[in-house]
Protein backbone atom coordinates (compact mmCIF):
# COMPACT_ATOMS: atom_id res chain seq x y z
CA MET A 1 175.39 169.38 134.78
CA PRO A 2 173.48 172.70 134.40
CA SER A 3 172.88 174.52 137.69
CA SER A 4 169.09 174.04 137.46
CA ASP A 5 169.54 170.29 136.98
CA LEU A 6 171.99 170.17 139.90
CA HIS A 7 169.49 172.00 142.11
CA ALA A 8 166.70 169.58 141.17
CA SER A 9 168.98 166.61 141.89
CA GLN A 10 170.06 168.00 145.25
CA GLN A 11 166.44 168.52 146.27
CA GLY A 12 165.54 164.99 145.22
CA PHE A 13 163.16 166.28 142.54
CA ASP A 14 164.77 163.99 139.99
CA ARG A 15 163.01 161.11 141.83
CA VAL A 16 159.22 161.01 141.54
CA LEU A 17 156.62 158.62 142.96
CA LEU A 18 153.67 158.28 140.55
CA THR A 19 150.50 156.88 142.13
CA TYR A 20 147.65 154.89 140.53
CA GLY A 21 150.13 153.55 138.04
CA TRP A 22 148.02 150.99 136.19
CA VAL A 23 146.11 153.45 134.02
CA ARG A 24 147.07 155.15 130.71
CA SER A 25 147.01 158.70 132.11
CA SER A 26 149.64 157.73 134.66
CA TYR A 27 151.65 155.98 131.96
CA ALA A 28 151.57 159.14 129.84
CA ALA A 29 152.95 161.11 132.79
CA MET A 30 155.64 158.50 133.44
CA ARG A 31 156.69 158.43 129.82
CA ASN A 32 156.78 162.23 129.59
CA LEU A 33 158.84 162.63 132.77
CA ALA A 34 161.23 159.81 131.87
CA GLN A 35 161.89 161.42 128.49
CA HIS A 36 163.16 164.45 130.39
CA GLY A 37 165.49 162.43 132.61
CA VAL A 38 163.27 162.13 135.69
CA GLN A 39 163.38 158.82 137.55
CA VAL A 40 159.85 157.56 138.18
CA TRP A 41 158.74 154.93 140.69
CA ALA A 42 155.30 153.52 139.87
CA ALA A 43 152.96 152.92 142.81
CA ASP A 44 149.64 151.10 142.86
CA ALA A 45 147.41 148.70 144.74
CA PHE A 46 147.85 146.21 141.86
CA ARG A 47 151.02 144.63 140.50
CA VAL A 48 149.58 144.46 136.99
CA GLY A 49 149.24 147.60 134.91
CA MET A 50 150.83 149.98 132.44
CA CYS A 51 153.43 151.68 134.61
CA GLN A 52 154.11 148.48 136.52
CA TRP A 53 155.16 146.70 133.32
CA SER A 54 156.77 149.65 131.54
CA ARG A 55 160.48 149.81 130.84
CA HIS A 56 160.37 153.48 131.87
CA ARG A 57 159.74 152.75 135.55
CA ARG A 58 162.66 153.04 137.95
CA GLY A 59 160.92 150.83 140.48
CA PHE A 60 157.53 149.73 141.80
CA VAL A 61 155.80 150.29 145.15
CA LYS A 62 152.66 148.41 146.19
CA TYR A 63 150.26 150.10 148.59
CA PRO A 64 146.80 149.26 150.05
CA SER A 65 143.75 150.54 148.20
CA HIS A 66 143.04 154.12 149.24
CA TYR A 67 139.33 153.27 149.19
CA ALA A 68 139.66 150.30 151.58
CA ASP A 69 142.46 151.57 153.86
CA GLU A 70 143.00 155.31 153.62
CA MET A 71 145.59 155.65 156.39
CA GLY A 72 147.41 152.49 155.34
CA PHE A 73 147.66 153.95 151.84
CA VAL A 74 149.09 157.26 153.09
CA ARG A 75 151.62 155.53 155.35
CA ALA A 76 152.76 153.27 152.50
CA VAL A 77 153.29 156.28 150.23
CA ALA A 78 155.25 158.10 152.94
CA ASP A 79 157.39 155.03 153.65
CA ALA A 80 158.16 154.62 149.94
CA CYS A 81 159.30 158.25 149.75
CA TYR A 82 161.71 157.73 152.65
CA GLN A 83 162.97 154.40 151.31
CA HIS A 84 163.65 155.58 147.75
CA ARG A 85 164.60 159.18 148.61
CA ILE A 86 161.64 160.48 146.58
CA GLY A 87 161.52 164.24 146.14
CA LEU A 88 158.02 164.63 144.65
CA ILE A 89 154.77 162.71 144.73
CA PHE A 90 152.90 162.90 141.43
CA PRO A 91 149.23 161.99 142.07
CA SER A 92 147.05 160.66 139.29
CA HIS A 93 143.46 159.88 140.22
CA ASN A 94 141.04 160.10 143.15
CA GLU A 95 143.87 159.42 145.59
CA THR A 96 144.92 163.03 144.91
CA GLU A 97 142.42 164.39 147.44
CA ILE A 98 143.42 161.82 150.06
CA LEU A 99 147.12 162.64 149.76
CA ALA A 100 146.33 166.37 149.90
CA ARG A 101 144.20 165.85 153.02
CA HIS A 102 147.05 164.05 154.81
CA ARG A 103 149.97 166.03 153.40
CA GLY A 104 151.24 166.60 156.94
CA LEU A 105 152.11 162.88 157.15
CA LEU A 106 154.25 162.98 154.01
CA PRO A 107 157.98 163.76 153.94
CA THR A 108 158.67 167.49 153.82
CA GLY A 109 158.49 168.91 150.30
CA THR A 110 157.14 165.80 148.59
CA ASP A 111 153.64 167.35 148.55
CA ALA A 112 154.64 170.28 146.30
CA LEU A 113 152.50 169.08 143.36
CA LEU A 114 149.39 168.36 145.44
CA PRO A 115 146.40 170.71 145.14
CA ASP A 116 144.52 172.13 148.11
CA ALA A 117 142.50 169.40 149.83
CA GLN A 118 139.47 171.62 150.46
CA LEU A 119 139.30 172.59 146.78
CA CYS A 120 139.54 168.93 145.78
CA GLU A 121 136.65 168.17 148.11
CA LEU A 122 134.65 171.06 146.65
CA PHE A 123 135.13 170.01 143.02
CA ASN A 124 134.54 166.34 143.82
CA ASN A 125 131.06 167.30 145.03
CA LYS A 126 128.82 168.11 142.07
CA ALA A 127 126.30 170.14 144.08
CA ARG A 128 128.97 172.37 145.64
CA SER A 129 130.92 172.82 142.42
CA TYR A 130 127.76 173.71 140.50
CA ALA A 131 126.89 176.34 143.13
CA LEU A 132 130.35 177.89 142.83
CA VAL A 133 130.38 177.88 139.02
CA GLU A 134 126.88 179.35 138.87
CA SER A 135 127.96 182.19 141.16
CA LEU A 136 130.71 183.03 138.64
CA GLY A 137 128.22 183.43 135.80
CA VAL A 138 129.17 180.25 133.96
CA ARG A 139 126.27 178.55 132.12
CA LEU A 140 125.29 175.09 133.38
CA PRO A 141 122.34 172.70 133.03
CA ARG A 142 119.18 173.57 134.96
CA ARG A 143 118.80 171.75 138.25
CA LEU A 144 115.81 171.35 140.51
CA ALA A 145 115.95 170.98 144.25
CA TYR A 146 114.06 168.30 146.15
CA ALA A 147 114.22 167.09 149.74
CA ASP A 148 112.58 163.67 149.38
CA PRO A 149 112.52 160.99 146.64
CA ALA A 150 108.73 161.26 146.66
CA GLU A 151 109.09 164.70 145.06
CA VAL A 152 111.07 163.33 142.10
CA PRO A 153 108.14 162.75 139.67
CA ALA A 154 107.18 166.42 139.87
CA VAL A 155 110.79 167.46 139.44
CA PHE A 156 111.13 165.12 136.48
CA ARG A 157 108.07 166.52 134.73
CA GLU A 158 109.26 170.10 135.23
CA LEU A 159 112.69 169.41 133.76
CA ASN A 160 111.73 166.93 131.08
CA GLN A 161 110.70 169.48 128.48
CA GLY A 162 113.44 168.67 125.98
CA SER A 163 115.79 165.74 125.72
CA GLY A 164 115.29 164.35 129.22
CA VAL A 165 117.02 164.47 132.57
CA VAL A 166 120.21 163.16 134.13
CA VAL A 167 120.51 161.79 137.66
CA LYS A 168 124.00 162.02 139.16
CA LEU A 169 125.57 160.91 142.40
CA LEU A 170 127.49 163.83 143.87
CA THR A 171 130.77 161.90 143.64
CA GLY A 172 131.70 159.65 140.72
CA ASN A 173 133.94 159.41 137.66
CA SER A 174 134.21 157.96 134.16
CA ALA A 175 130.40 157.81 133.67
CA LYS A 176 130.02 155.85 136.92
CA GLY A 177 127.24 157.27 139.07
CA VAL A 178 125.44 158.89 136.11
CA PHE A 179 121.99 157.64 135.07
CA TYR A 180 119.39 158.46 132.41
CA PRO A 181 115.86 157.53 133.57
CA ARG A 182 113.19 157.29 130.89
CA GLY A 183 110.22 158.41 132.91
CA ALA A 184 109.06 160.02 136.14
CA GLU A 185 108.43 156.78 138.03
CA GLU A 186 111.70 155.26 136.83
CA ALA A 187 113.50 158.37 138.06
CA LYS A 188 111.81 158.11 141.46
CA ALA A 189 112.67 154.42 141.80
CA LEU A 190 116.26 155.12 140.75
CA VAL A 191 116.72 157.86 143.35
CA GLU A 192 115.19 155.66 146.07
CA GLU A 193 117.51 152.79 145.13
CA LEU A 194 120.59 155.05 145.16
CA VAL A 195 119.66 156.54 148.53
CA GLN A 196 119.30 153.07 150.01
CA ARG A 197 122.38 151.55 148.37
CA PHE A 198 124.75 154.37 149.31
CA GLU A 199 122.98 155.37 152.55
CA LEU A 200 122.69 158.96 151.35
CA SER A 201 121.71 161.79 153.68
CA VAL A 202 119.50 164.70 152.60
CA GLU A 203 122.66 166.72 151.94
CA ARG A 204 123.92 164.07 149.49
CA LEU A 205 120.76 163.31 147.52
CA PRO A 206 121.51 162.62 143.82
CA GLN A 207 121.51 165.68 141.60
CA ILE A 208 118.76 165.90 138.98
CA GLU A 209 119.44 168.16 136.02
CA GLU A 210 118.33 168.72 132.46
CA ARG A 211 120.11 166.72 129.79
CA VAL A 212 121.84 169.15 127.45
CA GLU A 213 122.74 168.10 123.92
CA GLY A 214 126.13 168.58 122.28
CA PHE A 215 129.58 167.07 122.11
CA GLY A 216 131.77 166.60 125.15
CA ALA A 217 134.72 168.95 125.48
CA GLY A 218 137.38 169.61 128.08
CA CYS A 219 139.75 172.42 128.95
CA SER A 220 142.77 171.16 130.89
CA VAL A 221 145.09 173.35 132.92
CA ALA A 222 148.30 173.40 134.92
CA TYR A 223 148.43 176.06 137.65
CA TRP A 224 151.17 176.96 140.06
CA ARG A 225 149.92 178.73 143.19
CA GLY A 226 147.17 180.56 141.35
CA THR A 227 149.07 181.26 138.12
CA MET A 228 148.13 179.45 134.92
CA ILE A 229 151.12 177.76 133.31
CA GLN A 230 149.41 175.92 130.43
CA ARG A 231 145.95 175.14 129.08
CA PHE A 232 144.71 172.78 126.40
CA SER A 233 141.27 172.10 124.93
CA HIS A 234 139.92 168.98 123.24
CA ARG A 235 136.63 167.59 121.99
CA ARG A 236 135.41 164.04 122.13
CA LEU A 237 134.84 162.24 118.85
CA ARG A 238 134.04 158.78 120.19
CA GLU A 239 133.23 157.48 123.67
CA LYS A 240 133.46 154.03 125.23
CA ILE A 241 129.96 154.50 126.68
CA ALA A 242 127.48 156.11 124.28
CA THR A 243 125.85 158.31 126.92
CA GLY A 244 129.17 159.90 127.88
CA GLY A 245 132.29 159.25 129.88
CA THR A 246 135.72 158.13 128.81
CA SER A 247 136.60 159.03 125.22
CA THR A 248 138.39 156.59 122.94
CA LEU A 249 138.99 159.14 120.15
CA ARG A 250 139.37 162.89 120.60
CA GLU A 251 141.08 165.87 119.01
CA SER A 252 142.62 169.13 120.11
CA PHE A 253 140.71 172.30 119.23
CA HIS A 254 140.42 175.93 120.22
CA CYS A 255 137.22 177.01 121.97
CA PRO A 256 137.38 180.50 123.50
CA ALA A 257 134.07 180.07 125.37
CA ILE A 258 135.10 177.08 127.48
CA GLU A 259 138.65 178.39 127.86
CA GLU A 260 137.38 181.68 129.30
CA ASP A 261 134.99 179.84 131.64
CA THR A 262 137.74 177.49 132.76
CA ARG A 263 140.10 180.34 133.55
CA ARG A 264 137.36 182.14 135.45
CA ILE A 265 136.80 179.10 137.65
CA PHE A 266 140.41 178.27 138.45
CA ASP A 267 141.57 181.88 138.78
CA HIS A 268 138.76 182.47 141.27
CA VAL A 269 139.85 179.65 143.60
CA GLY A 270 143.60 180.17 143.11
CA TRP A 271 144.12 176.65 141.82
CA HIS A 272 147.38 174.73 142.18
CA GLY A 273 148.25 171.60 140.21
CA LEU A 274 146.54 169.83 137.31
CA ALA A 275 142.80 169.80 136.57
CA MET A 276 140.26 169.65 133.77
CA ALA A 277 136.89 171.36 133.40
CA GLU A 278 134.36 169.45 131.31
CA PHE A 279 131.63 170.99 129.16
CA LYS A 280 128.95 170.15 126.64
CA VAL A 281 129.11 172.28 123.49
CA CYS A 282 126.28 172.67 120.98
CA PRO A 283 127.78 172.16 117.50
CA HIS A 284 125.16 174.43 115.90
CA THR A 285 125.13 177.47 118.21
CA GLY A 286 128.45 177.14 120.01
CA ARG A 287 126.71 177.46 123.38
CA SER A 288 128.44 175.57 126.16
CA TRP A 289 127.37 174.20 129.53
CA PHE A 290 129.64 173.37 132.44
CA ILE A 291 129.45 169.69 133.45
CA GLU A 292 132.13 169.09 136.09
CA VAL A 293 135.71 169.60 137.21
CA ASN A 294 138.20 166.78 137.58
CA PRO A 295 140.57 168.21 140.24
CA ARG A 296 143.40 165.93 139.21
CA MET A 297 145.09 164.45 136.16
CA TRP A 298 142.56 163.49 133.47
CA GLY A 299 142.17 160.41 131.26
CA SER A 300 142.85 162.11 127.93
CA ILE A 301 146.16 163.68 128.99
CA PRO A 302 148.07 161.51 126.45
CA LEU A 303 146.46 163.63 123.68
CA ALA A 304 147.64 166.87 125.26
CA ILE A 305 151.21 165.61 125.62
CA ALA A 306 151.31 164.27 122.05
CA ALA A 307 149.97 167.58 120.72
CA GLY A 308 152.70 169.53 122.50
CA ALA A 309 151.24 170.48 125.91
CA GLU A 310 153.58 168.53 128.20
CA PHE A 311 151.63 168.99 131.43
CA PRO A 312 153.57 166.51 133.63
CA HIS A 313 156.96 167.95 132.70
CA LEU A 314 155.70 171.54 133.07
CA LEU A 315 154.34 170.87 136.56
CA TRP A 316 157.57 169.10 137.54
CA THR A 317 159.54 172.06 136.18
CA CYS A 318 157.54 174.43 138.39
CA ALA A 319 158.66 172.52 141.47
CA ALA A 320 162.21 171.72 140.41
CA ARG A 321 163.22 174.90 138.56
CA GLY A 322 160.51 177.44 139.22
CA PRO A 323 157.29 178.58 137.52
CA ASP A 324 159.08 181.20 135.39
CA GLU A 325 161.05 178.49 133.62
CA ALA A 326 157.88 176.42 133.16
CA LEU A 327 156.09 179.41 131.64
CA ALA A 328 159.02 179.99 129.30
CA LEU A 329 158.89 176.35 128.21
CA ALA A 330 155.14 176.54 127.58
CA ARG A 331 155.46 179.71 125.50
CA ARG A 332 158.16 178.22 123.27
CA VAL A 333 155.91 175.36 122.16
CA THR A 334 153.16 175.57 119.54
CA VAL A 335 150.38 173.18 120.54
CA ARG A 336 148.99 171.40 117.49
CA GLU A 337 145.30 172.00 116.79
CA GLY A 338 143.31 169.19 115.15
CA TRP A 339 145.64 166.51 116.55
CA ARG A 340 143.76 163.24 117.13
CA GLY A 341 144.56 160.87 119.95
CA ARG A 342 143.15 157.36 120.27
CA TRP A 343 142.80 154.98 123.21
CA LEU A 344 143.46 151.72 121.40
CA LEU A 345 142.32 149.28 124.09
CA GLY A 346 139.23 151.40 124.70
CA ASP A 347 138.30 151.11 121.02
CA MET A 348 138.90 147.36 121.18
CA MET A 349 136.50 147.08 124.13
CA LEU A 350 133.95 149.29 122.38
CA ALA A 351 134.17 147.19 119.20
CA ALA A 352 133.71 144.00 121.23
CA SER A 353 130.57 145.47 122.80
CA GLN A 354 129.25 146.57 119.41
CA THR A 355 129.89 143.10 117.98
CA ALA A 356 128.08 141.48 120.92
CA ASN A 357 125.09 143.72 120.15
CA MET A 358 125.14 142.63 116.48
CA LYS A 359 126.47 145.99 115.24
CA LEU A 360 129.28 144.59 113.15
CA GLY A 361 129.49 147.58 110.80
CA LYS A 362 129.98 149.95 113.72
CA ALA A 363 132.57 147.63 115.23
CA LEU A 364 134.58 147.61 112.00
CA ARG A 365 134.45 151.39 111.76
CA THR A 366 135.54 151.70 115.38
CA LEU A 367 138.54 149.47 114.79
CA PHE A 368 139.69 150.67 111.40
CA ARG A 369 138.50 154.27 110.93
CA SER A 370 140.14 156.52 113.46
CA GLY A 371 142.49 158.86 111.62
CA ALA A 372 144.51 159.05 114.82
CA ASP A 373 147.84 160.86 114.96
CA SER A 374 148.88 159.19 118.22
CA LEU A 375 147.88 156.36 120.55
CA ASP A 376 147.38 156.67 124.29
CA ASP A 377 148.56 153.24 125.26
CA PHE A 378 150.63 151.46 122.61
CA TYR A 379 154.25 152.29 121.75
CA TRP A 380 156.59 150.06 119.79
CA ASP A 381 159.46 150.97 122.11
CA ASP A 382 157.51 149.86 125.21
CA PRO A 383 154.98 147.16 124.23
CA CYS A 384 154.86 145.59 127.70
CA ALA A 385 152.98 148.63 128.99
CA PHE A 386 150.07 147.84 126.66
CA VAL A 387 150.20 144.18 127.72
CA GLY A 388 150.02 145.32 131.34
CA GLU A 389 147.00 147.48 130.58
CA PHE A 390 145.24 144.62 128.78
CA ALA A 391 146.03 142.19 131.60
CA HIS A 392 144.71 144.64 134.21
CA TYR A 393 141.41 145.19 132.40
CA MET A 394 141.04 141.47 131.76
CA GLY A 395 141.61 140.68 135.41
CA ARG A 396 139.07 143.27 136.54
CA PHE A 397 136.56 142.05 133.93
CA LEU A 398 136.86 138.43 135.06
CA ALA A 399 136.36 139.54 138.66
CA THR A 400 133.46 141.94 138.09
CA ARG A 401 132.09 141.15 134.60
CA SER A 402 132.42 144.86 133.83
CA THR A 403 134.84 146.90 131.70
CA ASN A 404 134.09 149.96 133.86
CA PRO A 405 133.89 148.64 137.44
CA ALA A 406 133.47 150.85 140.49
CA GLU A 407 135.44 150.13 143.64
CA LYS A 408 133.72 150.39 147.01
CA GLY A 409 133.99 154.00 148.13
CA MET A 410 134.37 155.40 144.60
CA LEU A 411 130.72 156.45 144.33
CA LYS A 412 128.71 158.32 146.96
């Protein structure tokens, strides 16, 4: 066994606990790590999902929902690390901030991949992250301040000079908590309803901003204690929700403008871990606008891995063998530009919605015209993972009648 592998084994880094295991981003991380000989335990609040049913998992740990029982979730993760001699916790979704906040309760060293909790909190708040990004000279949509929902019609009229406005809760994900009112009074009623439903204080009033036109793009990064290890850019070609959100088809591309802005943001805060900055890019002028930061693993990470940017393995290498070896690995790989990745189940759900709305032609194009080079969620050598994903979405749909449900505590 090479000395670096022996060191990783002695430290327990060859055993990883991967949280939020049901989703395709977590499965991509599991698959990538397993291909490099890392043993991965899947962990989730549900027994049904991609990692739970994958042949690549070493084991499964069930924990309470981090939204419903934060401390119970943290204790369950810590107990699992002790029980299975886990060396590293690999967070996936919004539980990343919670684990970072309570890292002192986790076994020593298992928190090495977790970002700073205060930076997670900052980026998970749209108002605070916009203020930071604006101070760095990064272009973003115009926003207008207001202190009372009664002021919204005036704000709406001032902003609504072009393509309209967007109302956003300060915390949300995957298009949840984002709304597109069609008029001043509708905007006012929407803000009033959100304030009442989520019991929002003045400090957490929904953000109102201009709606900028262009395609969605993201620049993803891996940092180790302030040093960039890898970056990867992609643009969205098709989305499950027409107004934005999760993409079902996307491709890698090079965009210096958003890559420079992304580096400016994460260098400034001394980022650690995985993250993605999202932008809108005008296809005619090339102008870009910052939209948000996901301070965690992102949904389209299967594309990055398939195109050659192996973010999970690179971050693991930083912890197990050092950032210099991770940088050397990243430099030896040529990331493929123009590589298309497709979320198969997402396209199936989109086609079903298009069919229900009597758009059969669009549904057929969605299903049969992708030109994808890789799939996020279906592999012939591990078909049960896709079955687990389908079963999870079906179960959630039957319970909520939504293909994009929000858990209590997810939006605020």
